[in-house]
Amino acid sequence: MLYYLLYERLFRYFSPLRVFGYTTFRTAVASLTAMFLCIALGPWLINKLRQFQIGQFIREEGPKSHQKKAGTPTMGGVLIIISIVIPTLLWADLRYPYVWIALAALLGYGWIGFLDDYAKVTHRRNLGLSGRTKLLYQFAMGFLFAAVLLWMRSAGQFSTAMNIPFLKQYKPSMIIAELAKNPWTYAIGVLPFCVFAALVVVFMSNAVNLTDGLDGLAIGLMVIAAGALTVLTYAGGHAQLADYLQLARNPHTSELTVFCGSMTGASIGFLWYNAHPAEIFMGDVGSLGLGGAMAVVAVLIKQEVLLLFIGGIFILEAVSVILQVGSFKLRGGKRIFKMAPLHHHFEALGWAESKIIARFWIAGLVLALCALTTLKLR
């Protein structure tokens, strides 16, 4: 909105306003707006959550040291989402559909998380939506997202070809071209892409949710991941950079930089209150929303493979749960880890919570830097 007012309308009368035409400037302003908005609204929301007794329930089978966190205000993800949506609407060029898709993913998966959190709060125990119900909602949202991308592909605004690190000529599209050309077999031809896109989004949203088990762990990693995505979205939408890095340039992704900058700023702002010892937890409304938005951005810019690095710690946490559950069921109750997700395993080994958080952040930063390094190594 402010972009339209300051650049599209007032620039002709006051030339210094030309700075609002630069994506980098608006991304920086959006990031700062998101951060300060989150910090400013934080105390008010924390007091309101305490007033309505919306506190965290701690599982008895979890680490004993976490019992003292019971009652800490939760559902703080509402603050994160507000702090992302408002700066994006203010500073992005809203004529680009990619921005609306990213916002829809954030709000859609955030809503699923809200329903889960609300069920937990009303039941006063750690029982939200059933696993099947939550997955049903998540996959429905994922397939809807894939359908929108296919429609945009038919309009020439989206390509399903993925970028593969180190293999600049190899760009698989996950669509069976011959079948997709025939109206009678179109659904079969595009089914692999739909399934793949939905799986990426559902997996990452749940991965962030599973990682959110220590004060500041998930949101700190989101600062790193969102920052890396900000660089990738800018590079993919910039003509000279895309050519230099041998990326398929897509001008539609440039405004996603503002969204990712807002996500980075909001995550920093929330970390102000979520750092150990946490004053507020993001809840599923925050973790599912952020994870879904991160995955959707990666699909939009065709960097699904780099998401393995950018979200590497999130993925490790989710895989540790899958392995633990699989081992318990298939090996007669035997476990691989002392406790899952992975951060609880290190707690069980005697590591201090602050040490686990700091080392996971370091690992996440190293993985994100590795992802950015691959841009030129193609």
Protein backbone atom coordinates (compact mmCIF):
# COMPACT_ATOMS: atom_id res chain seq x y z
CA MET A 1 0.00 0.00 0.00
CA LEU A 2 2.70 2.47 1.00
CA TYR A 3 4.74 1.30 -2.00
CA TYR A 4 1.87 2.27 -4.29
CA LEU A 5 1.37 5.62 -2.56
CA LEU A 6 5.02 6.66 -2.21
CA TYR A 7 6.44 5.30 -5.46
CA GLU A 8 3.60 4.96 -7.94
CA ARG A 9 1.83 8.20 -6.96
CA LEU A 10 4.13 10.65 -5.15
CA PHE A 11 7.47 9.86 -6.81
CA ARG A 12 6.67 12.12 -9.77
CA TYR A 13 6.33 15.08 -7.39
CA PHE A 14 9.22 14.30 -5.04
CA SER A 15 12.13 12.52 -6.72
CA PRO A 16 13.90 11.19 -3.55
CA LEU A 17 10.99 8.77 -3.18
CA ARG A 18 12.57 6.78 -6.00
CA VAL A 19 14.29 4.68 -3.30
CA PHE A 20 10.96 2.92 -2.74
CA GLY A 21 11.28 1.50 -6.23
CA TYR A 22 14.27 -0.57 -5.14
CA THR A 23 13.44 -4.03 -3.85
CA THR A 24 16.47 -4.03 -1.55
CA PHE A 25 15.38 -0.82 0.20
CA ARG A 26 11.80 -1.98 0.66
CA THR A 27 13.01 -5.35 1.94
CA ALA A 28 15.17 -3.66 4.57
CA VAL A 29 12.30 -1.37 5.60
CA ALA A 30 9.86 -4.29 5.70
CA SER A 31 12.25 -6.31 7.85
CA LEU A 32 12.66 -3.46 10.33
CA THR A 33 8.92 -2.78 10.35
CA ALA A 34 8.21 -6.44 11.12
CA MET A 35 10.83 -6.58 13.88
CA PHE A 36 9.73 -3.42 15.68
CA LEU A 37 6.04 -4.26 15.24
CA CYS A 38 6.62 -7.67 16.84
CA ILE A 39 8.62 -6.18 19.71
CA ALA A 40 6.06 -3.42 20.27
CA LEU A 41 3.03 -5.72 20.32
CA GLY A 42 4.75 -8.47 22.32
CA PRO A 43 4.06 -7.25 25.88
CA TRP A 44 0.39 -6.53 25.08
CA LEU A 45 -0.14 -10.02 23.62
CA ILE A 46 1.69 -11.74 26.49
CA ASN A 47 -0.53 -9.96 29.02
CA LYS A 48 -3.69 -10.84 27.06
CA LEU A 49 -2.70 -14.51 26.83
CA ARG A 50 -2.05 -14.59 30.56
CA GLN A 51 -5.35 -12.84 31.19
CA PHE A 52 -7.23 -15.51 29.23
CA GLN A 53 -5.06 -18.27 30.76
CA ILE A 54 -3.80 -19.49 27.38
CA GLY A 55 -0.76 -21.35 28.66
CA GLN A 56 1.45 -24.17 27.45
CA PHE A 57 0.73 -27.75 28.53
CA ILE A 58 3.89 -29.82 29.14
CA ARG A 59 3.85 -33.56 28.45
CA GLU A 60 4.67 -35.70 31.49
CA GLU A 61 6.78 -38.05 29.33
CA GLY A 62 8.93 -35.13 28.17
CA PRO A 63 12.09 -33.86 29.89
CA LYS A 64 11.45 -33.21 33.58
CA SER A 65 13.23 -29.87 33.37
CA HIS A 66 10.41 -28.60 31.10
CA GLN A 67 7.70 -28.93 33.75
CA LYS A 68 8.57 -25.49 35.09
CA LYS A 69 7.55 -24.04 31.69
CA ALA A 70 3.95 -25.13 32.16
CA GLY A 71 1.56 -22.20 31.91
CA THR A 72 3.88 -20.03 29.80
CA PRO A 73 1.68 -18.10 27.32
CA THR A 74 1.41 -19.88 23.98
CA MET A 75 -0.13 -19.18 20.54
CA GLY A 76 2.40 -16.37 20.10
CA GLY A 77 2.53 -17.31 16.43
CA VAL A 78 -0.40 -14.93 15.99
CA LEU A 79 2.06 -12.13 16.74
CA ILE A 80 4.53 -13.48 14.19
CA ILE A 81 1.90 -13.75 11.45
CA ILE A 82 0.60 -10.22 12.08
CA SER A 83 4.17 -8.92 12.00
CA ILE A 84 4.76 -10.57 8.62
CA VAL A 85 1.46 -9.77 6.92
CA ILE A 86 1.30 -6.04 7.73
CA PRO A 87 4.82 -5.08 6.48
CA THR A 88 4.34 -7.23 3.37
CA LEU A 89 1.08 -5.46 2.55
CA LEU A 90 2.70 -2.09 3.22
CA TRP A 91 5.93 -2.46 1.29
CA ALA A 92 5.49 -5.13 -1.42
CA ASP A 93 4.16 -4.54 -4.92
CA LEU A 94 0.90 -6.43 -4.51
CA ARG A 95 0.37 -6.80 -8.26
CA TYR A 96 2.68 -9.84 -8.16
CA PRO A 97 0.71 -13.06 -7.48
CA TYR A 98 3.64 -14.83 -5.79
CA VAL A 99 3.28 -12.48 -2.82
CA TRP A 100 -0.37 -13.42 -2.35
CA ILE A 101 0.43 -17.13 -2.62
CA ALA A 102 3.09 -16.87 0.10
CA LEU A 103 0.72 -14.88 2.33
CA ALA A 104 -2.05 -17.43 1.73
CA ALA A 105 0.29 -20.27 2.73
CA LEU A 106 1.33 -18.45 5.91
CA LEU A 107 -2.27 -17.73 6.88
CA GLY A 108 -3.61 -21.13 5.77
CA TYR A 109 -1.12 -23.25 7.69
CA GLY A 110 -1.24 -20.77 10.55
CA TRP A 111 -5.01 -21.31 10.72
CA ILE A 112 -4.55 -25.08 10.94
CA GLY A 113 -2.09 -24.50 13.78
CA PHE A 114 -4.56 -22.14 15.45
CA LEU A 115 -7.27 -24.81 15.39
CA ASP A 116 -4.82 -27.27 16.95
CA ASP A 117 -3.70 -24.82 19.64
CA TYR A 118 -7.28 -23.80 20.42
CA ALA A 119 -8.30 -27.43 20.89
CA LYS A 120 -5.39 -27.93 23.31
CA VAL A 121 -6.26 -24.82 25.29
CA THR A 122 -9.96 -25.65 25.59
CA HIS A 123 -9.23 -29.28 26.59
CA ARG A 124 -6.59 -28.12 29.11
CA ARG A 125 -4.31 -30.97 28.05
CA ASN A 126 -1.89 -31.81 25.28
CA LEU A 127 -4.60 -33.02 22.91
CA GLY A 128 -5.29 -30.89 19.88
CA LEU A 129 -6.50 -32.01 16.49
CA SER A 130 -5.99 -35.69 15.82
CA GLY A 131 -2.95 -36.55 13.72
CA ARG A 132 -5.12 -37.69 10.82
CA THR A 133 -7.29 -34.58 10.88
CA LYS A 134 -4.27 -32.28 10.96
CA LEU A 135 -2.59 -34.12 8.06
CA LEU A 136 -5.85 -34.06 6.10
CA TYR A 137 -6.06 -30.28 6.44
CA GLN A 138 -2.38 -29.86 5.61
CA PHE A 139 -2.49 -32.02 2.50
CA ALA A 140 -5.70 -30.36 1.33
CA MET A 141 -3.94 -27.01 1.60
CA GLY A 142 -0.85 -28.43 -0.14
CA PHE A 143 -2.80 -29.81 -3.10
CA LEU A 144 -4.72 -26.54 -3.41
CA PHE A 145 -1.40 -24.71 -3.54
CA ALA A 146 -0.15 -27.11 -6.25
CA ALA A 147 -3.34 -26.59 -8.26
CA VAL A 148 -2.84 -22.81 -8.18
CA LEU A 149 0.74 -23.23 -9.42
CA LEU A 150 -0.45 -25.44 -12.29
CA TRP A 151 -2.95 -22.77 -13.28
CA MET A 152 -0.17 -20.18 -13.20
CA ARG A 153 1.98 -22.53 -15.28
CA SER A 154 -0.71 -22.59 -17.97
CA ALA A 155 -0.63 -18.78 -17.94
CA GLY A 156 3.17 -18.75 -18.37
CA GLN A 157 3.82 -17.32 -14.89
CA PHE A 158 5.38 -20.40 -13.30
CA SER A 159 7.81 -23.13 -14.32
CA THR A 160 7.86 -26.56 -12.68
CA ALA A 161 11.52 -27.16 -13.60
CA MET A 162 13.65 -27.45 -10.44
CA ASN A 163 17.14 -26.02 -9.98
CA ILE A 164 19.62 -28.75 -9.01
CA PRO A 165 22.91 -27.68 -7.34
CA PHE A 166 26.06 -28.56 -9.37
CA LEU A 167 23.91 -29.67 -12.36
CA LYS A 168 22.94 -26.48 -14.16
CA GLN A 169 21.64 -28.27 -17.27
CA TYR A 170 19.53 -30.83 -15.41
CA LYS A 171 16.16 -29.35 -14.48
CA PRO A 172 13.54 -32.03 -13.73
CA SER A 173 9.97 -30.72 -13.80
CA MET A 174 8.09 -33.52 -11.99
CA ILE A 175 5.49 -33.46 -14.77
CA ILE A 176 5.00 -36.24 -17.32
CA ALA A 177 4.97 -33.97 -20.36
CA GLU A 178 3.29 -36.30 -22.86
CA LEU A 179 0.45 -37.16 -20.53
CA ALA A 180 0.01 -33.55 -19.44
CA LYS A 181 -0.55 -32.44 -23.04
CA ASN A 182 -3.58 -34.68 -23.46
CA PRO A 183 -6.79 -33.37 -21.77
CA TRP A 184 -7.82 -36.96 -20.98
CA THR A 185 -4.58 -37.85 -19.21
CA TYR A 186 -3.71 -34.38 -17.85
CA ALA A 187 -4.48 -35.29 -14.24
CA ILE A 188 -2.13 -38.27 -14.39
CA GLY A 189 0.60 -36.20 -16.02
CA VAL A 190 0.59 -33.48 -13.36
CA LEU A 191 -0.02 -35.81 -10.39
CA PRO A 192 3.72 -36.30 -9.58
CA PHE A 193 4.20 -32.54 -9.28
CA CYS A 194 1.10 -32.12 -7.11
CA VAL A 195 2.16 -34.92 -4.76
CA PHE A 196 5.75 -33.64 -4.60
CA ALA A 197 4.75 -30.02 -3.89
CA ALA A 198 2.23 -31.06 -1.23
CA LEU A 199 4.74 -33.37 0.46
CA VAL A 200 7.40 -30.66 0.58
CA VAL A 201 5.04 -28.17 2.22
CA VAL A 202 3.43 -30.63 4.65
CA PHE A 203 6.77 -32.12 5.69
CA MET A 204 8.44 -28.76 6.32
CA SER A 205 5.48 -27.35 8.25
CA ASN A 206 5.55 -30.36 10.56
CA ALA A 207 9.35 -30.29 10.75
CA VAL A 208 9.34 -26.73 12.14
CA ASN A 209 6.57 -27.76 14.52
CA LEU A 210 8.66 -30.67 15.87
CA THR A 211 11.72 -28.44 16.28
CA ASP A 212 9.81 -25.98 18.45
CA GLY A 213 10.64 -27.70 21.71
CA LEU A 214 13.31 -25.49 23.29
CA ASP A 215 13.25 -21.76 24.05
CA GLY A 216 14.22 -19.87 20.90
CA LEU A 217 15.39 -22.95 18.98
CA ALA A 218 12.88 -22.98 16.12
CA ILE A 219 12.50 -19.22 15.77
CA GLY A 220 16.28 -18.71 15.79
CA LEU A 221 16.64 -21.24 13.00
CA MET A 222 13.82 -19.45 11.14
CA VAL A 223 15.82 -16.22 11.28
CA ILE A 224 18.63 -18.03 9.45
CA ALA A 225 16.36 -19.85 6.99
CA ALA A 226 14.28 -16.78 6.16
CA GLY A 227 17.46 -14.75 5.68
CA ALA A 228 18.80 -17.33 3.22
CA LEU A 229 15.49 -17.34 1.34
CA THR A 230 15.64 -13.54 1.14
CA VAL A 231 18.96 -13.83 -0.71
CA LEU A 232 17.65 -16.57 -3.03
CA THR A 233 14.44 -14.73 -3.93
CA TYR A 234 16.37 -11.55 -4.71
CA ALA A 235 18.93 -13.39 -6.84
CA GLY A 236 16.26 -15.22 -8.81
CA GLY A 237 14.37 -12.04 -9.61
CA HIS A 238 17.39 -9.87 -10.49
CA ALA A 239 18.37 -9.99 -14.18
CA GLN A 240 22.12 -9.51 -13.75
CA LEU A 241 22.48 -11.72 -10.68
CA ALA A 242 20.39 -14.51 -12.17
CA ASP A 243 22.50 -14.45 -15.32
CA TYR A 244 25.77 -14.39 -13.35
CA LEU A 245 24.67 -17.25 -11.09
CA GLN A 246 23.17 -19.14 -14.03
CA LEU A 247 19.72 -19.21 -12.49
CA ALA A 248 16.50 -19.23 -14.48
CA ARG A 249 15.36 -15.63 -13.93
CA ASN A 250 11.76 -15.18 -12.85
CA PRO A 251 10.75 -11.54 -12.29
CA HIS A 252 7.68 -12.71 -10.36
CA THR A 253 9.91 -13.81 -7.47
CA SER A 254 11.46 -10.39 -6.85
CA GLU A 255 8.64 -9.18 -4.58
CA LEU A 256 8.93 -12.37 -2.54
CA THR A 257 12.11 -10.76 -1.23
CA VAL A 258 9.96 -8.30 0.71
CA PHE A 259 7.89 -11.16 2.15
CA CYS A 260 11.01 -13.09 3.19
CA GLY A 261 12.51 -9.93 4.68
CA SER A 262 9.34 -9.47 6.72
CA MET A 263 9.57 -13.10 7.84
CA THR A 264 13.17 -12.54 8.93
CA GLY A 265 12.34 -9.37 10.84
CA ALA A 266 9.29 -10.87 12.54
CA SER A 267 11.34 -13.90 13.60
CA ILE A 268 14.00 -11.64 15.14
CA GLY A 269 11.30 -9.67 16.93
CA PHE A 270 9.68 -12.81 18.33
CA LEU A 271 13.07 -14.16 19.42
CA TRP A 272 13.27 -11.12 21.71
CA TYR A 273 10.56 -12.72 23.87
CA ASN A 274 11.10 -16.38 23.01
CA ALA A 275 14.80 -16.48 23.94
CA HIS A 276 15.68 -18.61 26.98
CA PRO A 277 13.94 -18.33 29.40
CA ALA A 278 10.95 -17.84 27.11
CA GLU A 279 8.19 -15.39 28.00
CA ILE A 280 5.95 -16.74 25.24
CA PHE A 281 5.80 -19.77 22.91
CA MET A 282 4.79 -19.58 19.26
CA GLY A 283 2.56 -22.67 19.39
CA ASP A 284 1.40 -24.58 16.32
CA VAL A 285 -0.09 -21.42 14.82
CA GLY A 286 3.43 -20.07 14.48
CA SER A 287 5.41 -23.21 13.68
CA LEU A 288 3.01 -24.60 11.07
CA GLY A 289 2.55 -21.17 9.50
CA LEU A 290 6.27 -20.43 9.26
CA GLY A 291 7.14 -23.93 8.05
CA GLY A 292 4.44 -23.87 5.39
CA ALA A 293 5.44 -20.40 4.19
CA MET A 294 9.13 -21.35 4.03
CA ALA A 295 8.38 -24.43 1.93
CA VAL A 296 5.99 -22.58 -0.39
CA VAL A 297 8.62 -19.91 -1.08
CA ALA A 298 11.17 -22.64 -1.91
CA VAL A 299 8.74 -24.22 -4.38
CA LEU A 300 7.89 -20.85 -5.93
CA ILE A 301 11.55 -20.05 -6.61
CA LYS A 302 12.28 -23.67 -7.62
CA GLN A 303 14.90 -24.26 -4.93
CA GLU A 304 13.36 -27.31 -3.31
CA VAL A 305 16.73 -29.08 -3.24
CA LEU A 306 18.42 -26.19 -1.44
CA LEU A 307 15.63 -26.39 1.13
CA LEU A 308 17.39 -29.56 2.33
CA PHE A 309 20.25 -27.29 3.44
CA ILE A 310 18.32 -24.17 4.45
CA GLY A 311 15.92 -26.20 6.57
CA GLY A 312 18.48 -28.90 7.35
CA ILE A 313 18.09 -28.84 11.14
CA PHE A 314 14.30 -28.87 10.85
CA ILE A 315 14.57 -31.92 8.59
CA LEU A 316 16.96 -33.70 10.98
CA GLU A 317 14.53 -33.14 13.84
CA ALA A 318 11.62 -34.57 11.83
CA VAL A 319 13.66 -37.54 10.60
CA SER A 320 14.73 -38.33 14.18
CA VAL A 321 11.06 -38.64 15.15
CA ILE A 322 10.28 -40.85 12.14
CA LEU A 323 13.25 -43.12 12.93
CA GLN A 324 12.37 -43.29 16.61
CA VAL A 325 8.73 -44.22 15.96
CA GLY A 326 9.71 -46.70 13.24
CA SER A 327 12.31 -48.36 15.43
CA PHE A 328 9.90 -48.60 18.37
CA LYS A 329 7.22 -50.29 16.26
CA LEU A 330 9.41 -52.54 14.11
CA ARG A 331 12.01 -53.56 16.72
CA GLY A 332 9.74 -54.44 19.61
CA GLY A 333 10.03 -51.23 21.61
CA LYS A 334 13.74 -50.56 20.99
CA ARG A 335 14.69 -46.92 20.51
CA ILE A 336 17.47 -45.27 18.51
CA PHE A 337 17.57 -42.06 20.56
CA LYS A 338 17.09 -41.56 24.26
CA MET A 339 14.23 -39.25 23.36
CA ALA A 340 12.88 -37.64 20.19
CA PRO A 341 12.94 -35.10 18.58
CA LEU A 342 16.71 -34.84 18.39
CA HIS A 343 17.09 -31.86 20.73
CA HIS A 344 15.50 -33.90 23.55
CA HIS A 345 18.08 -36.64 22.94
CA PHE A 346 20.86 -34.19 23.77
CA GLU A 347 18.93 -32.99 26.82
CA ALA A 348 18.77 -36.60 27.99
CA LEU A 349 22.54 -36.81 27.53
CA GLY A 350 22.92 -33.97 30.01
CA TRP A 351 23.50 -31.02 27.69
CA ALA A 352 22.25 -27.67 28.95
CA GLU A 353 19.32 -26.21 27.04
CA SER A 354 21.24 -23.05 26.10
CA LYS A 355 24.13 -25.13 24.74
CA ILE A 356 21.82 -27.22 22.53
CA ILE A 357 20.13 -24.09 21.17
CA ALA A 358 23.41 -22.33 20.39
CA ARG A 359 24.96 -25.36 18.69
CA PHE A 360 21.85 -26.05 16.62
CA TRP A 361 21.86 -22.41 15.52
CA ILE A 362 25.49 -22.73 14.49
CA ALA A 363 24.75 -25.90 12.52
CA GLY A 364 21.77 -24.19 10.86
CA LEU A 365 23.90 -21.20 9.88
CA VAL A 366 26.61 -23.45 8.39
CA LEU A 367 24.00 -25.34 6.35
CA ALA A 368 22.42 -22.10 5.11
CA LEU A 369 25.85 -20.79 4.03
CA CYS A 370 26.47 -24.08 2.21
CA ALA A 371 23.18 -23.60 0.37
CA LEU A 372 24.14 -20.10 -0.74
CA THR A 373 27.60 -21.31 -1.78
CA THR A 374 26.07 -23.75 -4.26
CA LEU A 375 24.57 -20.85 -6.25
CA LYS A 376 27.82 -20.30 -8.10
CA LEU A 377 29.09 -23.88 -7.96
CA ARG A 378 26.91 -25.14 -10.81
